[in-house]
Protein backbone atom coordinates (compact mmCIF):
# COMPACT_ATOMS: atom_id res chain seq x y z
CA MET A 1 50.00 -72.94 167.96
CA THR A 2 48.93 -73.17 171.55
CA ALA A 3 45.90 -75.34 172.58
CA THR A 4 44.10 -73.55 174.87
CA THR A 5 41.15 -71.86 174.35
CA HIS A 6 38.83 -70.02 176.94
CA ALA A 7 35.06 -69.73 177.13
CA HIS A 8 33.23 -66.64 178.71
CA GLY A 9 29.61 -66.84 179.50
CA LYS A 10 26.72 -64.19 180.14
CA THR A 11 23.35 -64.10 181.10
CA THR A 12 20.61 -62.80 179.05
CA THR A 13 16.79 -61.36 180.11
CA ILE A 14 15.56 -64.70 179.58
CA PRO A 15 16.40 -66.91 182.38
CA GLY A 16 18.50 -69.84 181.45
CA LEU A 17 19.53 -68.36 177.95
CA LEU A 18 23.43 -68.12 178.28
CA VAL A 19 25.63 -66.42 175.52
CA PHE A 20 29.17 -67.80 175.44
CA THR A 21 32.19 -66.29 173.71
CA VAL A 22 34.51 -69.15 172.95
CA SER A 23 38.07 -68.20 171.72
CA LYS A 24 39.96 -69.54 169.10
CA VAL A 25 43.94 -69.55 168.59
CA GLU A 26 45.35 -68.76 165.30
CA ASP A 27 48.77 -69.04 163.33
CA ASP A 28 49.84 -69.14 159.56
CA ARG A 29 48.55 -72.74 159.49
CA GLY A 30 44.93 -71.94 160.31
CA TRP A 31 43.25 -71.96 163.72
CA PHE A 32 42.14 -74.22 166.29
CA GLN A 33 38.79 -74.04 168.84
CA GLU A 34 37.34 -76.12 171.47
CA LYS A 35 33.55 -75.51 170.61
CA PHE A 36 32.45 -77.93 173.29
CA HIS A 37 34.63 -78.34 176.31
CA ARG A 38 32.46 -79.21 179.18
CA ALA A 39 34.59 -78.19 182.37
CA LYS A 40 35.51 -74.87 180.72
CA LEU A 41 31.73 -74.17 179.81
CA ILE A 42 30.39 -75.13 183.18
CA GLU A 43 32.98 -72.92 185.07
CA ALA A 44 31.42 -70.15 182.46
CA GLY A 45 27.99 -70.83 183.54
CA LEU A 46 26.70 -73.84 181.74
CA PRO A 47 24.43 -76.17 183.72
CA ARG A 48 25.96 -79.16 185.38
CA ASP A 49 23.25 -81.41 184.10
CA PHE A 50 23.67 -80.34 180.38
CA THR A 51 24.71 -83.98 179.15
CA VAL A 52 25.28 -83.77 175.18
CA VAL A 53 23.57 -87.05 173.37
CA GLN A 54 23.58 -85.90 169.98
CA THR A 55 25.54 -83.18 167.90
CA SER A 56 23.85 -82.25 164.72
CA VAL A 57 25.29 -79.98 161.80
CA ALA A 58 23.19 -77.99 159.17
CA PHE A 59 24.41 -75.85 156.17
CA ASN A 60 22.47 -72.87 155.47
CA ARG A 61 22.51 -70.38 152.49
CA GLU A 62 23.10 -66.49 152.98
CA ARG A 63 19.54 -65.14 153.43
CA SER A 64 18.03 -68.22 155.01
CA THR A 65 15.61 -68.03 158.01
CA ARG A 66 14.96 -70.83 160.30
CA GLY A 67 11.71 -70.37 162.27
CA PHE A 68 11.00 -70.02 165.83
CA HIS A 69 10.80 -73.59 167.41
CA ALA A 70 10.94 -74.20 171.03
CA GLU A 71 11.80 -77.90 171.50
CA PRO A 72 11.34 -80.30 174.35
CA TRP A 73 15.41 -80.23 175.13
CA ASN A 74 18.06 -78.26 175.75
CA LYS A 75 20.66 -77.03 173.28
CA TYR A 76 24.26 -75.70 172.81
CA ALA A 77 24.56 -74.33 169.62
CA SER A 78 27.38 -72.30 167.62
CA LEU A 79 28.53 -71.36 164.18
CA VAL A 80 31.81 -73.41 162.37
CA ASP A 81 31.91 -70.51 159.93
CA GLY A 82 30.00 -67.47 158.75
CA ARG A 83 27.63 -65.15 160.50
CA ALA A 84 24.03 -64.96 161.73
CA PHE A 85 21.34 -62.96 163.70
CA ALA A 86 19.89 -65.23 166.09
CA ALA A 87 16.81 -64.57 168.00
CA TYR A 88 15.17 -66.15 170.97
CA LEU A 89 11.58 -66.32 172.35
CA ASP A 90 10.48 -67.35 175.91
CA LEU A 91 7.79 -69.74 175.68
CA ARG A 92 7.77 -71.02 179.07
CA GLU A 93 4.87 -70.06 181.55
CA GLY A 94 6.03 -67.37 183.86
CA PRO A 95 6.95 -63.51 183.83
CA THR A 96 9.05 -63.78 180.93
CA PHE A 97 6.70 -65.52 178.59
CA GLY A 98 7.24 -63.49 175.26
CA THR A 99 10.42 -62.04 176.22
CA SER A 100 12.91 -61.79 173.16
CA VAL A 101 16.54 -61.72 172.95
CA SER A 102 18.34 -61.36 169.67
CA VAL A 103 22.37 -62.12 169.46
CA GLU A 104 24.64 -61.64 166.32
CA LEU A 105 26.20 -64.96 166.03
CA ASP A 106 29.97 -65.98 164.40
CA ASP A 107 32.37 -68.43 164.88
CA GLU A 108 33.36 -67.29 168.34
CA THR A 109 29.83 -67.15 169.75
CA ALA A 110 27.71 -70.02 171.20
CA VAL A 111 24.55 -70.07 173.09
CA PHE A 112 22.85 -72.32 175.55
CA VAL A 113 19.25 -72.50 174.97
CA PRO A 114 17.23 -73.82 177.69
CA ALA A 115 14.09 -76.38 176.77
CA GLY A 116 11.03 -74.13 176.21
CA VAL A 117 12.69 -71.24 174.90
CA ALA A 118 12.16 -70.94 171.00
CA ASN A 119 15.12 -70.28 168.65
CA SER A 120 15.60 -68.84 165.46
CA TYR A 121 18.11 -67.61 162.97
CA GLN A 122 18.88 -65.56 159.97
CA CYS A 123 22.09 -66.07 157.76
CA LEU A 124 24.11 -62.92 157.02
CA THR A 125 26.36 -65.30 154.98
CA ASP A 126 26.50 -69.00 154.12
CA LEU A 127 27.22 -70.89 157.17
CA HIS A 128 27.55 -74.20 159.17
CA TYR A 129 25.26 -74.49 162.31
CA LEU A 130 26.49 -76.98 164.96
CA TYR A 131 24.29 -77.92 167.69
CA SER A 132 24.36 -80.31 170.72
CA VAL A 133 21.21 -81.41 172.48
CA ASP A 134 20.56 -83.63 175.67
CA GLN A 135 17.99 -85.60 174.25
CA HIS A 136 17.79 -87.66 170.98
CA TRP A 137 15.70 -86.39 168.25
CA SER A 138 12.58 -88.19 167.44
CA SER A 139 9.48 -87.38 165.68
CA GLU A 140 7.40 -87.58 168.67
CA ALA A 141 9.28 -85.17 170.63
CA TYR A 142 9.68 -82.78 167.94
CA ASP A 143 5.87 -83.14 167.48
CA SER A 144 5.55 -81.75 171.04
CA ALA A 145 7.70 -78.51 169.98
CA SER A 146 6.08 -75.42 169.89
CA PHE A 147 6.44 -72.75 166.69
CA VAL A 148 5.67 -69.09 166.47
CA ASN A 149 5.61 -66.86 163.45
CA LEU A 150 8.75 -64.99 162.59
CA ALA A 151 6.78 -61.63 162.18
CA ASP A 152 4.77 -61.77 165.34
CA PRO A 153 4.73 -58.01 166.52
CA MET A 154 4.55 -59.54 170.06
CA ALA A 155 8.11 -60.96 169.60
CA ALA A 156 9.28 -57.63 168.63
CA VAL A 157 12.25 -58.98 166.52
CA HIS A 158 13.84 -56.73 163.75
CA TRP A 159 15.41 -58.91 161.49
CA PRO A 160 18.30 -57.36 159.58
CA ILE A 161 16.85 -59.00 156.15
CA PRO A 162 13.26 -58.28 155.93
CA LEU A 163 11.30 -61.38 156.06
CA ASN A 164 9.70 -60.68 152.66
CA GLU A 165 13.07 -60.96 151.02
CA ALA A 166 14.69 -63.77 153.42
CA LEU A 167 14.68 -67.55 152.13
CA LEU A 168 11.71 -69.02 154.40
CA SER A 169 10.07 -72.28 154.40
CA GLU A 170 6.19 -72.58 153.59
CA ARG A 171 5.97 -74.11 157.39
CA ASP A 172 8.00 -71.32 158.72
CA ARG A 173 5.47 -68.58 157.12
CA ASN A 174 2.61 -70.07 158.37
CA HIS A 175 3.17 -70.70 162.29
CA PRO A 176 0.76 -69.14 164.76
CA MET A 177 1.50 -65.94 166.28
CA LEU A 178 2.52 -65.90 169.96
CA SER A 179 -1.46 -64.87 171.03
CA GLU A 180 -2.73 -67.96 169.67
CA LEU A 181 -0.30 -70.46 171.52
CA PRO A 182 -2.15 -72.54 173.94
CA ARG A 183 -1.27 -71.41 177.60
CA SER A 184 -1.58 -73.75 180.84
């Protein structure tokens, strides 16, 4: 098994939101992948000032849908296994406010989400969601996050699993619409 993997990045219509292809190498024994290799990712477009201080993993069941949330930190997210439909919504002031981008995630896709861009995902299979951030999680910081309703027509996200059939938390069902968010 060769221990070399590669990262290739591409930009999106949301400034700073980057999608990376992170290859893996396989043989009869299994596979190897560098989920986060700083030098390779910087070469592929990751901001140089992104410094990981915390990495977390979440297990999600098929049909689970995590609501739009824009935290006050930058995030690098990928899947260890499984597949998901991810949607991103720019909540930062400026000409791209309200712009949405969707990406199908698998174990060879990673996304850099800048602070102020809401992210959400819908599980097409059971999966493990791995993410690294550049600020430690705290309830105070999380309380400053912005949340948007997944069904907001202004976001124009076409969820592969209808939201009335998806597994959603009660909190995610009741987030405000984009037009209800305070704007500075």
